[in-house]
Amino acid sequence: MNNNTEEILKTINMENLIWVIYLFIIGLSFYANYFEKEYYTKHDIEAKENYRKLNIFIFSIAICIYYYFFKDNLKAVQNLTCADSSKKRFLNEANLVAATLVLIAGIILLYIAITDTQLETEIAFS
């Protein structure tokens, strides 16, 4: 195997781990929604705090994942050479822009989860 193939396989393995982490996040999101429902139906203050803490944890994990993809895309753009096609350059740069925006969105959602102590804003992991 050449270095490029090894690097691609390493990336695929990391992405598989990230998919498992996403499954964990989905499970936590269901659990957080349970607490949110308890808060709105029973006015349980402890459930509200559990919901907030879980959301903060969920978005913190998500930001770590988003940062990984940002760094990976930045590395891909930095590794472009003059010999690469304009299409490859454009697609890698577009991918970096998308990863940057997703990272920014994650940071904003985490900020909302931390500062919205009264649950005035419905945040969604998307």
C-alpha atoms as a PDB file:
ATOM      1  CA  MET A   1       0.000   0.000   0.000  1.00  0.00           C
ATOM      2  CA  ASN A   2       1.210   3.460  -0.750  1.00  0.00           C
ATOM      3  CA  ASN A   3       1.138   6.333   1.745  1.00  0.00           C
ATOM      4  CA  ASN A   4      -1.978   7.850   0.175  1.00  0.00           C
ATOM      5  CA  THR A   5      -3.944   4.611   0.594  1.00  0.00           C
ATOM      6  CA  GLU A   6      -2.778   4.253   4.192  1.00  0.00           C
ATOM      7  CA  GLU A   7      -3.811   7.830   4.914  1.00  0.00           C
ATOM      8  CA  ILE A   8      -7.251   7.271   3.343  1.00  0.00           C
ATOM      9  CA  LEU A   9      -7.779   4.093   5.389  1.00  0.00           C
ATOM     10  CA  LYS A  10      -6.728   5.922   8.558  1.00  0.00           C
ATOM     11  CA  THR A  11      -9.270   8.654   7.772  1.00  0.00           C
ATOM     12  CA  ILE A  12     -12.009   6.083   7.141  1.00  0.00           C
ATOM     13  CA  ASN A  13     -11.290   4.422  10.497  1.00  0.00           C
ATOM     14  CA  MET A  14     -11.520   7.782  12.259  1.00  0.00           C
ATOM     15  CA  GLU A  15     -14.814   8.532  10.474  1.00  0.00           C
ATOM     16  CA  ASN A  16     -16.171   5.150  11.618  1.00  0.00           C
ATOM     17  CA  LEU A  17     -15.310   6.081  15.209  1.00  0.00           C
ATOM     18  CA  ILE A  18     -17.052   9.422  14.722  1.00  0.00           C
ATOM     19  CA  TRP A  19     -20.188   7.611  13.497  1.00  0.00           C
ATOM     20  CA  VAL A  20     -20.200   5.586  16.730  1.00  0.00           C
ATOM     21  CA  ILE A  21     -19.834   8.816  18.711  1.00  0.00           C
ATOM     22  CA  TYR A  22     -22.758  10.280  16.744  1.00  0.00           C
ATOM     23  CA  LEU A  23     -24.870   7.250  17.739  1.00  0.00           C
ATOM     24  CA  PHE A  24     -23.941   7.957  21.368  1.00  0.00           C
ATOM     25  CA  ILE A  25     -24.915  11.614  20.890  1.00  0.00           C
ATOM     26  CA  ILE A  26     -28.263  10.564  19.409  1.00  0.00           C
ATOM     27  CA  GLY A  27     -28.941   8.397  22.467  1.00  0.00           C
ATOM     28  CA  LEU A  28     -28.017  11.275  24.768  1.00  0.00           C
ATOM     29  CA  SER A  29     -30.293  13.577  22.774  1.00  0.00           C
ATOM     30  CA  PHE A  30     -33.241  11.240  23.351  1.00  0.00           C
ATOM     31  CA  TYR A  31     -32.372  11.211  27.044  1.00  0.00           C
ATOM     32  CA  ALA A  32     -32.111  15.027  27.103  1.00  0.00           C
ATOM     33  CA  ASN A  33     -35.513  15.288  25.424  1.00  0.00           C
ATOM     34  CA  TYR A  34     -36.955  13.119  28.200  1.00  0.00           C
ATOM     35  CA  PHE A  35     -35.766  15.704  30.753  1.00  0.00           C
ATOM     36  CA  GLU A  36     -37.055  18.567  28.643  1.00  0.00           C
ATOM     37  CA  LYS A  37     -40.470  16.917  28.502  1.00  0.00           C
ATOM     38  CA  GLU A  38     -40.411  16.361  32.274  1.00  0.00           C
ATOM     39  CA  TYR A  39     -39.637  20.029  32.797  1.00  0.00           C
ATOM     40  CA  TYR A  40     -42.472  21.259  30.577  1.00  0.00           C
ATOM     41  CA  THR A  41     -45.080  18.768  31.786  1.00  0.00           C
ATOM     42  CA  LYS A  42     -44.218  18.655  35.500  1.00  0.00           C
ATOM     43  CA  HIS A  43     -42.293  21.918  35.928  1.00  0.00           C
ATOM     44  CA  ASP A  44     -39.428  19.896  37.404  1.00  0.00           C
ATOM     45  CA  ILE A  45     -36.505  22.305  37.880  1.00  0.00           C
ATOM     46  CA  GLU A  46     -34.022  19.456  38.331  1.00  0.00           C
ATOM     47  CA  ALA A  47     -35.116  18.010  34.983  1.00  0.00           C
ATOM     48  CA  LYS A  48     -34.500  21.411  33.382  1.00  0.00           C
ATOM     49  CA  GLU A  49     -30.948  21.483  34.713  1.00  0.00           C
ATOM     50  CA  ASN A  50     -30.338  17.893  33.610  1.00  0.00           C
ATOM     51  CA  TYR A  51     -31.558  18.840  30.138  1.00  0.00           C
ATOM     52  CA  ARG A  52     -29.265  21.881  30.009  1.00  0.00           C
ATOM     53  CA  LYS A  53     -26.222  19.949  31.258  1.00  0.00           C
ATOM     54  CA  LEU A  54     -26.808  17.168  28.747  1.00  0.00           C
ATOM     55  CA  ASN A  55     -27.147  19.682  25.919  1.00  0.00           C
ATOM     56  CA  ILE A  56     -23.920  21.382  26.945  1.00  0.00           C
ATOM     57  CA  PHE A  57     -22.182  18.002  26.982  1.00  0.00           C
ATOM     58  CA  ILE A  58     -23.688  17.006  23.616  1.00  0.00           C
ATOM     59  CA  PHE A  59     -22.681  20.238  21.895  1.00  0.00           C
ATOM     60  CA  SER A  60     -19.211  20.089  23.446  1.00  0.00           C
ATOM     61  CA  ILE A  61     -18.676  16.652  21.919  1.00  0.00           C
ATOM     62  CA  ALA A  62     -20.101  17.874  18.615  1.00  0.00           C
ATOM     63  CA  ILE A  63     -17.676  20.801  18.547  1.00  0.00           C
ATOM     64  CA  CYS A  64     -14.762  18.404  19.020  1.00  0.00           C
ATOM     65  CA  ILE A  65     -15.980  16.438  16.009  1.00  0.00           C
ATOM     66  CA  TYR A  66     -16.545  19.585  13.965  1.00  0.00           C
ATOM     67  CA  TYR A  67     -13.059  20.788  14.874  1.00  0.00           C
ATOM     68  CA  TYR A  68     -11.581  17.472  13.703  1.00  0.00           C
ATOM     69  CA  PHE A  69     -13.268  17.885  10.306  1.00  0.00           C
ATOM     70  CA  PHE A  70     -12.202  21.537  10.123  1.00  0.00           C
ATOM     71  CA  LYS A  71      -8.571  20.579  10.779  1.00  0.00           C
ATOM     72  CA  ASP A  72      -8.748  17.697   8.282  1.00  0.00           C
ATOM     73  CA  ASN A  73     -10.148  19.987   5.586  1.00  0.00           C
ATOM     74  CA  LEU A  74      -7.625  22.716   6.367  1.00  0.00           C
ATOM     75  CA  LYS A  75      -4.831  20.160   6.001  1.00  0.00           C
ATOM     76  CA  ALA A  76      -6.254  19.046   2.652  1.00  0.00           C
ATOM     77  CA  VAL A  77      -6.288  22.639   1.375  1.00  0.00           C
ATOM     78  CA  GLN A  78      -2.782  23.273   2.653  1.00  0.00           C
ATOM     79  CA  ASN A  79      -1.549  20.125   0.880  1.00  0.00           C
ATOM     80  CA  LEU A  80      -2.865  21.236  -2.514  1.00  0.00           C
ATOM     81  CA  THR A  81      -0.185  21.733  -5.125  1.00  0.00           C
ATOM     82  CA  CYS A  82       0.081  23.638  -8.394  1.00  0.00           C
ATOM     83  CA  ALA A  83      -0.344  20.299 -10.167  1.00  0.00           C
ATOM     84  CA  ASP A  84      -3.835  19.777  -8.676  1.00  0.00           C
ATOM     85  CA  SER A  85      -6.760  20.539 -10.936  1.00  0.00           C
ATOM     86  CA  SER A  86      -8.823  23.676 -10.471  1.00  0.00           C
ATOM     87  CA  LYS A  87     -11.823  21.461  -9.752  1.00  0.00           C
ATOM     88  CA  LYS A  88      -9.965  19.655  -6.938  1.00  0.00           C
ATOM     89  CA  ARG A  89      -8.803  23.002  -5.532  1.00  0.00           C
ATOM     90  CA  PHE A  90     -12.342  24.452  -5.663  1.00  0.00           C
ATOM     91  CA  LEU A  91     -13.953  21.395  -4.055  1.00  0.00           C
ATOM     92  CA  ASN A  92     -11.384  21.216  -1.253  1.00  0.00           C
ATOM     93  CA  GLU A  93     -11.751  24.920  -0.539  1.00  0.00           C
ATOM     94  CA  ALA A  94     -15.556  24.648  -0.609  1.00  0.00           C
ATOM     95  CA  ASN A  95     -15.310  21.727   1.802  1.00  0.00           C
ATOM     96  CA  LEU A  96     -13.170  23.842   4.125  1.00  0.00           C
ATOM     97  CA  VAL A  97     -15.723  26.669   4.018  1.00  0.00           C
ATOM     98  CA  ALA A  98     -18.511  24.203   4.872  1.00  0.00           C
ATOM     99  CA  ALA A  99     -16.498  22.689   7.749  1.00  0.00           C
ATOM    100  CA  THR A 100     -15.730  26.177   9.064  1.00  0.00           C
ATOM    101  CA  LEU A 101     -19.395  27.177   9.013  1.00  0.00           C
ATOM    102  CA  VAL A 102     -20.441  23.950  10.757  1.00  0.00           C
ATOM    103  CA  LEU A 103     -17.824  24.589  13.453  1.00  0.00           C
ATOM    104  CA  ILE A 104     -19.095  28.154  13.915  1.00  0.00           C
ATOM    105  CA  ALA A 105     -22.688  26.873  14.122  1.00  0.00           C
ATOM    106  CA  GLY A 106     -21.676  24.355  16.780  1.00  0.00           C
ATOM    107  CA  ILE A 107     -19.989  27.062  18.830  1.00  0.00           C
ATOM    108  CA  ILE A 108     -23.091  29.257  18.602  1.00  0.00           C
ATOM    109  CA  LEU A 109     -25.364  26.381  19.659  1.00  0.00           C
ATOM    110  CA  LEU A 110     -23.088  25.585  22.608  1.00  0.00           C
ATOM    111  CA  TYR A 111     -23.166  29.250  23.624  1.00  0.00           C
ATOM    112  CA  ILE A 112     -26.981  29.160  23.542  1.00  0.00           C
ATOM    113  CA  ALA A 113     -27.061  25.944  25.592  1.00  0.00           C
ATOM    114  CA  ILE A 114     -24.797  27.497  28.224  1.00  0.00           C
ATOM    115  CA  THR A 115     -26.442  30.914  28.497  1.00  0.00           C
ATOM    116  CA  ASP A 116     -30.144  30.064  28.020  1.00  0.00           C
ATOM    117  CA  THR A 117     -30.867  29.128  31.616  1.00  0.00           C
ATOM    118  CA  GLN A 118     -34.632  29.607  31.199  1.00  0.00           C
ATOM    119  CA  LEU A 119     -34.959  27.428  28.054  1.00  0.00           C
ATOM    120  CA  GLU A 120     -36.278  30.323  26.015  1.00  0.00           C
ATOM    121  CA  THR A 121     -34.733  29.038  22.791  1.00  0.00           C
ATOM    122  CA  GLU A 122     -35.259  25.609  21.280  1.00  0.00           C
ATOM    123  CA  ILE A 123     -31.887  24.384  20.090  1.00  0.00           C
ATOM    124  CA  ALA A 124     -31.561  21.451  17.776  1.00  0.00           C
ATOM    125  CA  PHE A 125     -28.621  19.213  17.021  1.00  0.00           C
ATOM    126  CA  SER A 126     -28.642  19.179  13.277  1.00  0.00           C
END
